[in-house]
C-alpha atoms as a PDB file:
ATOM      1  CA  MET A   1      29.146 -20.377  15.494  1.00  0.00           C
ATOM      2  CA  LEU A   2      26.431 -22.798  13.817  1.00  0.00           C
ATOM      3  CA  HIS A   3      24.206 -19.701  13.266  1.00  0.00           C
ATOM      4  CA  LYS A   4      26.966 -18.260  11.122  1.00  0.00           C
ATOM      5  CA  ILE A   5      27.392 -21.444   9.209  1.00  0.00           C
ATOM      6  CA  LEU A   6      23.792 -21.313   8.247  1.00  0.00           C
ATOM      7  CA  ILE A   7      24.269 -17.778   7.153  1.00  0.00           C
ATOM      8  CA  LYS A   8      27.332 -19.110   5.208  1.00  0.00           C
ATOM      9  CA  ASN A   9      25.151 -21.774   3.668  1.00  0.00           C
ATOM     10  CA  VAL A  10      22.288 -19.262   2.906  1.00  0.00           C
ATOM     11  CA  ASN A  11      25.021 -17.308   0.821  1.00  0.00           C
ATOM     12  CA  ILE A  12      26.066 -20.785  -1.238  1.00  0.00           C
ATOM     13  CA  ILE A  13      22.004 -21.417  -1.747  1.00  0.00           C
ATOM     14  CA  ASP A  14      21.515 -17.880  -2.996  1.00  0.00           C
ATOM     15  CA  GLY A  15      24.263 -18.170  -5.708  1.00  0.00           C
ATOM     16  CA  LEU A  16      22.642 -21.567  -6.660  1.00  0.00           C
ATOM     17  CA  GLY A  17      19.307 -19.708  -6.955  1.00  0.00           C
ATOM     18  CA  ASN A  18      17.316 -21.567  -4.485  1.00  0.00           C
ATOM     19  CA  ASP A  19      14.807 -18.977  -2.995  1.00  0.00           C
ATOM     20  CA  PRO A  20      12.558 -21.248  -0.909  1.00  0.00           C
ATOM     21  CA  PHE A  21      15.546 -22.638   0.856  1.00  0.00           C
ATOM     22  CA  GLN A  22      17.135 -19.116   1.309  1.00  0.00           C
ATOM     23  CA  GLY A  23      13.952 -17.782   3.052  1.00  0.00           C
ATOM     24  CA  SER A  24      13.630 -20.672   4.840  1.00  0.00           C
ATOM     25  CA  VAL A  25      17.229 -20.454   6.231  1.00  0.00           C
ATOM     26  CA  LEU A  26      16.921 -16.877   6.871  1.00  0.00           C
ATOM     27  CA  ILE A  27      13.886 -17.159   8.969  1.00  0.00           C
END
């Protein structure tokens, strides 16, 4: 469940355009 939430956050960050954060969360 927590992993799903992290993925959701990645989507939100991606919309904002934060590549560094997205990559960090994805890894």
